[in-house]
Amino acid sequence: MTTMATPLTQQAAPGVSAPDIRRHELANFLRSRRERITPEQVGLVRGRRRRTPGLRREEVAQLSAVGVTWYTWLEQARDIQVSPQVLDAVARALLLDRSERSHLFSLAAAIDPAPGTDCPHVTSALRTMLRQLEPIPACVQNSRYDILAHNRTYGRLLCDLEEVAPEDRNVMLLAHTNEQWRASVMDTAEVTRYITAKFRASMAEHLAEPAWKELLGRLEAASEEFRENWARHEVVGAGSRSKVFRNAWVGLLRVEATDLWLGPSSGPRLVSYAPRDDETYERLARLQELVRAAED
């Protein structure tokens, strides 16, 4: 009786090492998992021009808070170093179940820092919560300030997020490079200085991670304002804060920003903007109706 060997247990072809085979198995596994997930499952809008089955590579990179180039190399079976923390983030982005997560770490020859973990962080229940919070704007952000999911009023709070490429849906990038976003903020200079200090504090735990270094490089290349604020070395912690926005569709909005952590304090969080007065609530309700009308 003979048994069929898997690619990982077969003799390597001449010139092909076992690590090469393992990397290709990992690449194929990641691609297959990415292609099975619909944008709606992770809180993204499908759009009319989507040709890729499942998620795009840049969308997985955004959800994982890793660089697009780095994730592309991973799917291309490049010989790159992969930390357990990054594998954990990729597993969560791809909604792997426990068996799939274990398989991922085995292929990467890495030790799972949290074996048996249920991976999804933007669950269907959380997406339902985002929708039910309307007209209160709300979104889910990770520690790198990538916007992982949002409801309709948040999607029109500071700019039209549907017009922004998925890989650019990052609060730091939008606050420094998106003119509509910047025009919606009452005191742009103060706000960008404040969020730069928050970003520096958050980055302290991720200094060596490629995605964080890539984002820092993009910000430094794109914005003199960011470079000046970054050079101040200011840090500030998380906390609620009153804000005033000049919304392009309904006018002034006075809100209280609140973070609800969905895990460890360095992980994803739900950010909501509760109205501070009746006039703001009425304007948010009008914004919600405008978005609904645009969808019809």
C-alpha atoms as a PDB file:
ATOM      1  CA  MET A   1       0.000   0.000   0.000  1.00  0.00           C
ATOM      2  CA  THR A   2       1.367   3.380  -0.947  1.00  0.00           C
ATOM      3  CA  THR A   3       0.559   6.738   0.542  1.00  0.00           C
ATOM      4  CA  MET A   4       0.463  10.033  -1.257  1.00  0.00           C
ATOM      5  CA  ALA A   5       2.969  12.522   0.106  1.00  0.00           C
ATOM      6  CA  THR A   6       2.168  16.191   0.466  1.00  0.00           C
ATOM      7  CA  PRO A   7       4.519  18.698  -1.182  1.00  0.00           C
ATOM      8  CA  LEU A   8       6.134  19.370   2.183  1.00  0.00           C
ATOM      9  CA  THR A   9       7.053  15.717   2.711  1.00  0.00           C
ATOM     10  CA  GLN A  10       8.171  14.966  -0.834  1.00  0.00           C
ATOM     11  CA  GLN A  11      11.805  14.835  -1.716  1.00  0.00           C
ATOM     12  CA  ALA A  12      12.839  18.253  -2.952  1.00  0.00           C
ATOM     13  CA  ALA A  13      13.664  18.445  -6.632  1.00  0.00           C
ATOM     14  CA  PRO A  14      17.320  19.005  -7.489  1.00  0.00           C
ATOM     15  CA  GLY A  15      18.226  22.594  -6.690  1.00  0.00           C
ATOM     16  CA  VAL A  16      14.994  23.166  -4.727  1.00  0.00           C
ATOM     17  CA  SER A  17      15.400  23.286  -0.963  1.00  0.00           C
ATOM     18  CA  ALA A  18      12.812  22.364   1.654  1.00  0.00           C
ATOM     19  CA  PRO A  19      12.500  26.027   2.751  1.00  0.00           C
ATOM     20  CA  ASP A  20      11.762  26.944  -0.899  1.00  0.00           C
ATOM     21  CA  ILE A  21       8.966  24.385  -1.014  1.00  0.00           C
ATOM     22  CA  ARG A  22       7.596  25.608   2.311  1.00  0.00           C
ATOM     23  CA  ARG A  23       7.551  29.233   1.127  1.00  0.00           C
ATOM     24  CA  HIS A  24       5.662  28.284  -2.042  1.00  0.00           C
ATOM     25  CA  GLU A  25       3.139  26.293  -0.015  1.00  0.00           C
ATOM     26  CA  LEU A  26       2.686  29.303   2.245  1.00  0.00           C
ATOM     27  CA  ALA A  27       2.238  31.619  -0.746  1.00  0.00           C
ATOM     28  CA  ASN A  28      -0.381  29.337  -2.316  1.00  0.00           C
ATOM     29  CA  PHE A  29      -2.228  28.975   0.983  1.00  0.00           C
ATOM     30  CA  LEU A  30      -2.372  32.745   1.535  1.00  0.00           C
ATOM     31  CA  ARG A  31      -3.587  33.338  -2.006  1.00  0.00           C
ATOM     32  CA  SER A  32      -6.329  30.744  -1.670  1.00  0.00           C
ATOM     33  CA  ARG A  33      -7.531  32.197   1.624  1.00  0.00           C
ATOM     34  CA  ARG A  34      -7.489  35.750   0.241  1.00  0.00           C
ATOM     35  CA  GLU A  35      -9.505  34.801  -2.828  1.00  0.00           C
ATOM     36  CA  ARG A  36     -12.296  33.165  -0.833  1.00  0.00           C
ATOM     37  CA  ILE A  37     -13.142  36.255   1.265  1.00  0.00           C
ATOM     38  CA  THR A  38     -15.621  38.797  -0.032  1.00  0.00           C
ATOM     39  CA  PRO A  39     -15.068  42.515   0.632  1.00  0.00           C
ATOM     40  CA  GLU A  40     -18.347  42.617   2.543  1.00  0.00           C
ATOM     41  CA  GLN A  41     -17.044  40.050   5.044  1.00  0.00           C
ATOM     42  CA  VAL A  42     -14.366  42.473   6.232  1.00  0.00           C
ATOM     43  CA  GLY A  43     -16.393  45.669   6.025  1.00  0.00           C
ATOM     44  CA  LEU A  44     -15.156  46.877   2.637  1.00  0.00           C
ATOM     45  CA  VAL A  45     -17.239  48.152  -0.270  1.00  0.00           C
ATOM     46  CA  ARG A  46     -17.110  45.916  -3.344  1.00  0.00           C
ATOM     47  CA  GLY A  47     -17.250  48.672  -5.951  1.00  0.00           C
ATOM     48  CA  ARG A  48     -18.135  48.270  -9.611  1.00  0.00           C
ATOM     49  CA  ARG A  49     -14.662  47.704 -11.075  1.00  0.00           C
ATOM     50  CA  ARG A  50     -13.564  44.751  -8.971  1.00  0.00           C
ATOM     51  CA  ARG A  51     -12.170  41.918 -11.074  1.00  0.00           C
ATOM     52  CA  THR A  52     -10.076  40.166  -8.442  1.00  0.00           C
ATOM     53  CA  PRO A  53     -11.830  37.198  -6.811  1.00  0.00           C
ATOM     54  CA  GLY A  54     -12.058  37.880  -3.104  1.00  0.00           C
ATOM     55  CA  LEU A  55      -9.815  40.542  -1.608  1.00  0.00           C
ATOM     56  CA  ARG A  56      -7.013  42.440  -3.296  1.00  0.00           C
ATOM     57  CA  ARG A  57      -3.492  42.135  -1.930  1.00  0.00           C
ATOM     58  CA  GLU A  58      -3.468  45.772  -0.875  1.00  0.00           C
ATOM     59  CA  GLU A  59      -6.679  45.211   1.073  1.00  0.00           C
ATOM     60  CA  VAL A  60      -5.156  42.319   3.018  1.00  0.00           C
ATOM     61  CA  ALA A  61      -2.092  44.474   3.669  1.00  0.00           C
ATOM     62  CA  GLN A  62      -4.284  47.298   4.941  1.00  0.00           C
ATOM     63  CA  LEU A  63      -6.307  45.024   7.210  1.00  0.00           C
ATOM     64  CA  SER A  64      -3.099  43.463   8.545  1.00  0.00           C
ATOM     65  CA  ALA A  65      -1.265  46.794   8.964  1.00  0.00           C
ATOM     66  CA  VAL A  66       1.631  45.489   6.869  1.00  0.00           C
ATOM     67  CA  GLY A  67       3.189  47.017   3.776  1.00  0.00           C
ATOM     68  CA  VAL A  68       1.667  46.188   0.385  1.00  0.00           C
ATOM     69  CA  THR A  69       5.088  45.362  -1.053  1.00  0.00           C
ATOM     70  CA  TRP A  70       5.920  43.119   1.882  1.00  0.00           C
ATOM     71  CA  TYR A  71       2.632  41.187   1.636  1.00  0.00           C
ATOM     72  CA  THR A  72       3.066  40.851  -2.138  1.00  0.00           C
ATOM     73  CA  TRP A  73       6.505  39.346  -1.579  1.00  0.00           C
ATOM     74  CA  LEU A  74       4.989  36.900   0.890  1.00  0.00           C
ATOM     75  CA  GLU A  75       2.511  35.697  -1.762  1.00  0.00           C
ATOM     76  CA  GLN A  76       5.377  35.519  -4.264  1.00  0.00           C
ATOM     77  CA  ALA A  77       7.292  33.128  -1.980  1.00  0.00           C
ATOM     78  CA  ARG A  78      10.155  35.585  -1.546  1.00  0.00           C
ATOM     79  CA  ASP A  79      12.780  34.728   1.071  1.00  0.00           C
ATOM     80  CA  ILE A  80      11.810  37.301   3.712  1.00  0.00           C
ATOM     81  CA  GLN A  81      11.694  37.268   7.496  1.00  0.00           C
ATOM     82  CA  VAL A  82       8.210  36.950   8.987  1.00  0.00           C
ATOM     83  CA  SER A  83       7.592  37.688  12.664  1.00  0.00           C
ATOM     84  CA  PRO A  84       4.895  35.838  14.666  1.00  0.00           C
ATOM     85  CA  GLN A  85       3.208  39.198  15.307  1.00  0.00           C
ATOM     86  CA  VAL A  86       2.858  39.870  11.578  1.00  0.00           C
ATOM     87  CA  LEU A  87       1.582  36.332  10.937  1.00  0.00           C
ATOM     88  CA  ASP A  88      -0.985  36.882  13.671  1.00  0.00           C
ATOM     89  CA  ALA A  89      -2.164  40.088  11.963  1.00  0.00           C
ATOM     90  CA  VAL A  90      -2.387  38.348   8.565  1.00  0.00           C
ATOM     91  CA  ALA A  91      -4.322  35.451  10.108  1.00  0.00           C
ATOM     92  CA  ARG A  92      -6.842  37.886  11.569  1.00  0.00           C
ATOM     93  CA  ALA A  93      -7.192  39.786   8.300  1.00  0.00           C
ATOM     94  CA  LEU A  94      -7.863  36.552   6.391  1.00  0.00           C
ATOM     95  CA  LEU A  95     -10.428  35.403   8.991  1.00  0.00           C
ATOM     96  CA  LEU A  96      -8.627  32.084   9.478  1.00  0.00           C
ATOM     97  CA  ASP A  97     -10.198  29.551  11.776  1.00  0.00           C
ATOM     98  CA  ARG A  98      -8.115  27.730  14.372  1.00  0.00           C
ATOM     99  CA  SER A  99      -7.034  24.927  12.040  1.00  0.00           C
ATOM    100  CA  GLU A 100      -6.091  27.326   9.268  1.00  0.00           C
ATOM    101  CA  ARG A 101      -4.219  29.547  11.701  1.00  0.00           C
ATOM    102  CA  SER A 102      -2.229  26.547  12.956  1.00  0.00           C
ATOM    103  CA  HIS A 103      -1.463  25.577   9.353  1.00  0.00           C
ATOM    104  CA  LEU A 104      -0.258  29.106   8.574  1.00  0.00           C
ATOM    105  CA  PHE A 105       2.233  29.109  11.441  1.00  0.00           C
ATOM    106  CA  SER A 106       3.403  25.602  10.535  1.00  0.00           C
ATOM    107  CA  LEU A 107       4.101  26.610   6.945  1.00  0.00           C
ATOM    108  CA  ALA A 108       5.978  29.690   8.150  1.00  0.00           C
ATOM    109  CA  ALA A 109       7.967  27.541  10.616  1.00  0.00           C
ATOM    110  CA  ALA A 110       6.993  29.968  13.365  1.00  0.00           C
ATOM    111  CA  ILE A 111       5.632  29.563  16.887  1.00  0.00           C
ATOM    112  CA  ASP A 112       2.106  30.864  17.322  1.00  0.00           C
ATOM    113  CA  PRO A 113       2.150  33.419  20.174  1.00  0.00           C
ATOM    114  CA  ALA A 114      -1.534  32.717  20.897  1.00  0.00           C
ATOM    115  CA  PRO A 115      -2.442  29.173  19.779  1.00  0.00           C
ATOM    116  CA  GLY A 116      -6.138  28.460  19.543  1.00  0.00           C
ATOM    117  CA  THR A 117      -6.992  32.109  18.910  1.00  0.00           C
ATOM    118  CA  ASP A 118     -10.173  32.973  17.033  1.00  0.00           C
ATOM    119  CA  CYS A 119      -8.852  35.360  14.405  1.00  0.00           C
ATOM    120  CA  PRO A 120     -11.571  37.709  13.116  1.00  0.00           C
ATOM    121  CA  HIS A 121     -11.487  41.241  14.548  1.00  0.00           C
ATOM    122  CA  VAL A 122     -13.945  42.888  12.167  1.00  0.00           C
ATOM    123  CA  THR A 123     -16.757  40.420  12.702  1.00  0.00           C
ATOM    124  CA  SER A 124     -20.217  40.441  11.156  1.00  0.00           C
ATOM    125  CA  ALA A 125     -21.598  41.461  14.572  1.00  0.00           C
ATOM    126  CA  LEU A 126     -19.225  44.414  14.696  1.00  0.00           C
ATOM    127  CA  ARG A 127     -20.223  45.505  11.196  1.00  0.00           C
ATOM    128  CA  THR A 128     -23.871  45.292  12.275  1.00  0.00           C
ATOM    129  CA  MET A 129     -23.045  47.459  15.293  1.00  0.00           C
ATOM    130  CA  LEU A 130     -21.404  50.059  13.061  1.00  0.00           C
ATOM    131  CA  ARG A 131     -24.529  50.242  10.913  1.00  0.00           C
ATOM    132  CA  GLN A 132     -26.859  50.429  13.918  1.00  0.00           C
ATOM    133  CA  LEU A 133     -24.890  53.302  15.413  1.00  0.00           C
ATOM    134  CA  GLU A 134     -25.943  55.524  12.511  1.00  0.00           C
ATOM    135  CA  PRO A 135     -26.366  58.444  12.297  1.00  0.00           C
ATOM    136  CA  ILE A 136     -23.459  58.540  14.772  1.00  0.00           C
ATOM    137  CA  PRO A 137     -20.272  58.245  12.657  1.00  0.00           C
ATOM    138  CA  ALA A 138     -18.136  55.270  13.679  1.00  0.00           C
ATOM    139  CA  CYS A 139     -15.277  53.191  12.338  1.00  0.00           C
ATOM    140  CA  VAL A 140     -12.798  50.492  13.336  1.00  0.00           C
ATOM    141  CA  GLN A 141      -9.128  51.505  13.285  1.00  0.00           C
ATOM    142  CA  ASN A 142      -6.000  49.560  14.123  1.00  0.00           C
ATOM    143  CA  SER A 143      -3.067  50.937  16.090  1.00  0.00           C
ATOM    144  CA  ARG A 144      -1.502  52.250  12.859  1.00  0.00           C
ATOM    145  CA  TYR A 145      -4.651  54.340  12.183  1.00  0.00           C
ATOM    146  CA  ASP A 146      -5.733  52.308   9.165  1.00  0.00           C
ATOM    147  CA  ILE A 147      -9.525  52.488   8.744  1.00  0.00           C
ATOM    148  CA  LEU A 148     -10.563  48.820   8.646  1.00  0.00           C
ATOM    149  CA  ALA A 149     -14.347  49.291   8.527  1.00  0.00           C
ATOM    150  CA  HIS A 150     -16.789  52.172   8.828  1.00  0.00           C
ATOM    151  CA  ASN A 151     -20.452  53.043   8.693  1.00  0.00           C
ATOM    152  CA  ARG A 152     -22.032  55.316   6.089  1.00  0.00           C
ATOM    153  CA  THR A 153     -22.000  58.553   8.075  1.00  0.00           C
ATOM    154  CA  TYR A 154     -18.317  58.122   8.927  1.00  0.00           C
ATOM    155  CA  GLY A 155     -17.718  57.517   5.232  1.00  0.00           C
ATOM    156  CA  ARG A 156     -18.873  61.105   4.557  1.00  0.00           C
ATOM    157  CA  LEU A 157     -17.753  62.745   7.808  1.00  0.00           C
ATOM    158  CA  LEU A 158     -14.456  64.259   6.639  1.00  0.00           C
ATOM    159  CA  CYS A 159     -14.274  63.211   2.999  1.00  0.00           C
ATOM    160  CA  ASP A 160     -15.863  60.700   0.661  1.00  0.00           C
ATOM    161  CA  LEU A 161     -13.991  57.578   1.751  1.00  0.00           C
ATOM    162  CA  GLU A 162     -15.347  55.569  -1.174  1.00  0.00           C
ATOM    163  CA  GLU A 163     -13.256  57.803  -3.444  1.00  0.00           C
ATOM    164  CA  VAL A 164     -10.088  56.908  -1.499  1.00  0.00           C
ATOM    165  CA  ALA A 165      -8.047  53.853  -2.509  1.00  0.00           C
ATOM    166  CA  PRO A 166      -8.132  51.124   0.189  1.00  0.00           C
ATOM    167  CA  GLU A 167      -4.379  51.355   0.787  1.00  0.00           C
ATOM    168  CA  ASP A 168      -4.740  55.115   1.457  1.00  0.00           C
ATOM    169  CA  ARG A 169      -7.532  54.834   4.041  1.00  0.00           C
ATOM    170  CA  ASN A 170      -5.282  55.792   6.893  1.00  0.00           C
ATOM    171  CA  VAL A 171      -6.020  58.702   9.233  1.00  0.00           C
ATOM    172  CA  MET A 172      -2.423  59.938   9.220  1.00  0.00           C
ATOM    173  CA  LEU A 173      -2.219  59.962   5.423  1.00  0.00           C
ATOM    174  CA  LEU A 174      -5.644  61.545   4.986  1.00  0.00           C
ATOM    175  CA  ALA A 175      -4.984  64.260   7.572  1.00  0.00           C
ATOM    176  CA  HIS A 176      -1.769  65.276   5.805  1.00  0.00           C
ATOM    177  CA  THR A 177      -2.536  64.706   2.111  1.00  0.00           C
ATOM    178  CA  ASN A 178      -6.315  64.712   1.452  1.00  0.00           C
ATOM    179  CA  GLU A 179      -7.537  68.256   0.823  1.00  0.00           C
ATOM    180  CA  GLN A 180     -11.204  67.477   1.489  1.00  0.00           C
ATOM    181  CA  TRP A 181     -10.305  65.866   4.818  1.00  0.00           C
ATOM    182  CA  ARG A 182      -8.097  68.802   5.810  1.00  0.00           C
ATOM    183  CA  ALA A 183     -10.798  71.313   4.846  1.00  0.00           C
ATOM    184  CA  SER A 184     -13.240  69.534   7.161  1.00  0.00           C
ATOM    185  CA  VAL A 185     -11.012  70.043  10.212  1.00  0.00           C
ATOM    186  CA  MET A 186     -11.413  73.393  11.968  1.00  0.00           C
ATOM    187  CA  ASP A 187      -7.820  73.797  13.211  1.00  0.00           C
ATOM    188  CA  THR A 188      -5.717  71.703  10.860  1.00  0.00           C
ATOM    189  CA  ALA A 189      -2.329  72.684  12.316  1.00  0.00           C
ATOM    190  CA  GLU A 190      -3.347  71.819  15.877  1.00  0.00           C
ATOM    191  CA  VAL A 191      -5.018  68.560  14.858  1.00  0.00           C
ATOM    192  CA  THR A 192      -2.130  67.288  12.743  1.00  0.00           C
ATOM    193  CA  ARG A 193       0.329  68.094  15.531  1.00  0.00           C
ATOM    194  CA  TYR A 194      -1.877  66.222  18.019  1.00  0.00           C
ATOM    195  CA  ILE A 195      -2.356  63.093  15.894  1.00  0.00           C
ATOM    196  CA  THR A 196       1.351  63.022  15.029  1.00  0.00           C
ATOM    197  CA  ALA A 197       2.092  62.894  18.755  1.00  0.00           C
ATOM    198  CA  LYS A 198      -0.437  60.041  19.119  1.00  0.00           C
ATOM    199  CA  PHE A 199       1.128  58.217  16.166  1.00  0.00           C
ATOM    200  CA  ARG A 200       4.633  58.514  17.669  1.00  0.00           C
ATOM    201  CA  ALA A 201       3.409  57.102  20.979  1.00  0.00           C
ATOM    202  CA  SER A 202       1.669  54.238  19.203  1.00  0.00           C
ATOM    203  CA  MET A 203       4.702  53.455  17.027  1.00  0.00           C
ATOM    204  CA  ALA A 204       6.972  52.873  20.028  1.00  0.00           C
ATOM    205  CA  GLU A 205       5.876  49.213  20.122  1.00  0.00           C
ATOM    206  CA  HIS A 206       6.328  48.730  16.357  1.00  0.00           C
ATOM    207  CA  LEU A 207       9.605  50.471  15.499  1.00  0.00           C
ATOM    208  CA  ALA A 208      11.079  47.544  13.566  1.00  0.00           C
ATOM    209  CA  GLU A 209       7.943  46.491  11.707  1.00  0.00           C
ATOM    210  CA  PRO A 210       8.027  47.038   7.913  1.00  0.00           C
ATOM    211  CA  ALA A 211       4.473  48.377   7.606  1.00  0.00           C
ATOM    212  CA  TRP A 212       5.060  51.093  10.188  1.00  0.00           C
ATOM    213  CA  LYS A 213       8.368  52.104   8.608  1.00  0.00           C
ATOM    214  CA  GLU A 214       6.710  52.199   5.189  1.00  0.00           C
ATOM    215  CA  LEU A 215       3.929  54.469   6.457  1.00  0.00           C
ATOM    216  CA  LEU A 216       6.440  56.734   8.190  1.00  0.00           C
ATOM    217  CA  GLY A 217       8.386  56.989   4.938  1.00  0.00           C
ATOM    218  CA  ARG A 218       5.257  57.893   2.970  1.00  0.00           C
ATOM    219  CA  LEU A 219       4.341  60.612   5.451  1.00  0.00           C
ATOM    220  CA  GLU A 220       7.832  62.103   5.494  1.00  0.00           C
ATOM    221  CA  ALA A 221       7.958  62.148   1.707  1.00  0.00           C
ATOM    222  CA  ALA A 222       4.479  63.629   1.276  1.00  0.00           C
ATOM    223  CA  SER A 223       4.209  66.300   3.961  1.00  0.00           C
ATOM    224  CA  GLU A 224       6.560  68.994   5.223  1.00  0.00           C
ATOM    225  CA  GLU A 225       4.036  69.655   7.992  1.00  0.00           C
ATOM    226  CA  PHE A 226       4.399  66.064   9.177  1.00  0.00           C
ATOM    227  CA  ARG A 227       8.196  66.256   9.069  1.00  0.00           C
ATOM    228  CA  GLU A 228       8.159  69.354  11.265  1.00  0.00           C
ATOM    229  CA  ASN A 229       5.753  67.828  13.787  1.00  0.00           C
ATOM    230  CA  TRP A 230       7.608  64.508  13.809  1.00  0.00           C
ATOM    231  CA  ALA A 231      10.837  66.317  14.652  1.00  0.00           C
ATOM    232  CA  ARG A 232       9.235  67.667  17.852  1.00  0.00           C
ATOM    233  CA  HIS A 233       9.269  64.169  19.407  1.00  0.00           C
ATOM    234  CA  GLU A 234       5.982  64.897  21.172  1.00  0.00           C
ATOM    235  CA  VAL A 235       3.858  62.023  22.471  1.00  0.00           C
ATOM    236  CA  VAL A 236       0.291  61.898  23.699  1.00  0.00           C
ATOM    237  CA  GLY A 237      -1.860  59.026  24.954  1.00  0.00           C
ATOM    238  CA  ALA A 238      -5.323  57.906  23.926  1.00  0.00           C
ATOM    239  CA  GLY A 239      -8.448  59.550  25.323  1.00  0.00           C
ATOM    240  CA  SER A 240     -11.774  61.167  24.512  1.00  0.00           C
ATOM    241  CA  ARG A 241     -11.713  64.593  22.898  1.00  0.00           C
ATOM    242  CA  SER A 242     -14.262  67.176  21.769  1.00  0.00           C
ATOM    243  CA  LYS A 243     -14.033  68.038  18.086  1.00  0.00           C
ATOM    244  CA  VAL A 244     -15.659  70.391  15.604  1.00  0.00           C
ATOM    245  CA  PHE A 245     -15.846  69.484  11.923  1.00  0.00           C
ATOM    246  CA  ARG A 246     -16.921  71.515   8.917  1.00  0.00           C
ATOM    247  CA  ASN A 247     -18.739  68.833   6.956  1.00  0.00           C
ATOM    248  CA  ALA A 248     -18.941  69.482   3.218  1.00  0.00           C
ATOM    249  CA  TRP A 249     -22.570  68.299   2.997  1.00  0.00           C
ATOM    250  CA  VAL A 250     -24.348  69.464   6.186  1.00  0.00           C
ATOM    251  CA  GLY A 251     -22.157  72.092   7.839  1.00  0.00           C
ATOM    252  CA  LEU A 252     -20.701  72.364  11.365  1.00  0.00           C
ATOM    253  CA  LEU A 253     -20.704  69.265  13.545  1.00  0.00           C
ATOM    254  CA  ARG A 254     -19.798  69.327  17.257  1.00  0.00           C
ATOM    255  CA  VAL A 255     -18.927  65.825  18.462  1.00  0.00           C
ATOM    256  CA  GLU A 256     -17.212  63.897  21.220  1.00  0.00           C
ATOM    257  CA  ALA A 257     -14.707  61.322  19.948  1.00  0.00           C
ATOM    258  CA  THR A 258     -14.528  58.105  21.972  1.00  0.00           C
ATOM    259  CA  ASP A 259     -12.351  54.998  21.566  1.00  0.00           C
ATOM    260  CA  LEU A 260     -13.683  51.558  22.512  1.00  0.00           C
ATOM    261  CA  TRP A 261     -10.832  49.040  22.530  1.00  0.00           C
ATOM    262  CA  LEU A 262     -11.664  45.690  20.961  1.00  0.00           C
ATOM    263  CA  GLY A 263      -8.681  43.919  22.491  1.00  0.00           C
ATOM    264  CA  PRO A 264      -5.348  44.936  24.001  1.00  0.00           C
ATOM    265  CA  SER A 265      -4.828  48.693  24.063  1.00  0.00           C
ATOM    266  CA  SER A 266      -2.373  48.436  21.162  1.00  0.00           C
ATOM    267  CA  GLY A 267      -4.894  46.608  18.989  1.00  0.00           C
ATOM    268  CA  PRO A 268      -8.003  47.571  17.005  1.00  0.00           C
ATOM    269  CA  ARG A 269     -10.578  49.958  18.427  1.00  0.00           C
ATOM    270  CA  LEU A 270     -14.022  51.265  17.595  1.00  0.00           C
ATOM    271  CA  VAL A 271     -13.977  55.050  17.192  1.00  0.00           C
ATOM    272  CA  SER A 272     -17.298  56.904  17.439  1.00  0.00           C
ATOM    273  CA  TYR A 273     -18.271  60.573  17.194  1.00  0.00           C
ATOM    274  CA  ALA A 274     -21.302  61.252  19.397  1.00  0.00           C
ATOM    275  CA  PRO A 275     -23.137  64.569  18.816  1.00  0.00           C
ATOM    276  CA  ARG A 276     -22.696  67.162  21.562  1.00  0.00           C
ATOM    277  CA  ASP A 277     -25.953  69.005  20.812  1.00  0.00           C
ATOM    278  CA  ASP A 278     -29.325  68.502  19.126  1.00  0.00           C
ATOM    279  CA  GLU A 279     -28.360  70.559  16.091  1.00  0.00           C
ATOM    280  CA  THR A 280     -25.417  68.261  15.399  1.00  0.00           C
ATOM    281  CA  TYR A 281     -27.612  65.175  15.769  1.00  0.00           C
ATOM    282  CA  GLU A 282     -30.099  66.599  13.273  1.00  0.00           C
ATOM    283  CA  ARG A 283     -27.304  67.366  10.802  1.00  0.00           C
ATOM    284  CA  LEU A 284     -25.871  63.860  11.179  1.00  0.00           C
ATOM    285  CA  ALA A 285     -29.341  62.439  10.534  1.00  0.00           C
ATOM    286  CA  ARG A 286     -29.518  64.591   7.389  1.00  0.00           C
ATOM    287  CA  LEU A 287     -26.091  63.300   6.327  1.00  0.00           C
ATOM    288  CA  GLN A 288     -27.331  59.748   6.799  1.00  0.00           C
ATOM    289  CA  GLU A 289     -30.316  60.462   4.552  1.00  0.00           C
ATOM    290  CA  LEU A 290     -28.078  61.990   1.887  1.00  0.00           C
ATOM    291  CA  VAL A 291     -25.911  58.857   1.835  1.00  0.00           C
ATOM    292  CA  ARG A 292     -28.981  56.637   1.650  1.00  0.00           C
ATOM    293  CA  ALA A 293     -30.359  58.663  -1.258  1.00  0.00           C
ATOM    294  CA  ALA A 294     -27.030  58.381  -3.089  1.00  0.00           C
ATOM    295  CA  GLU A 295     -27.116  54.594  -2.710  1.00  0.00           C
ATOM    296  CA  ASP A 296     -30.624  54.301  -4.226  1.00  0.00           C
END
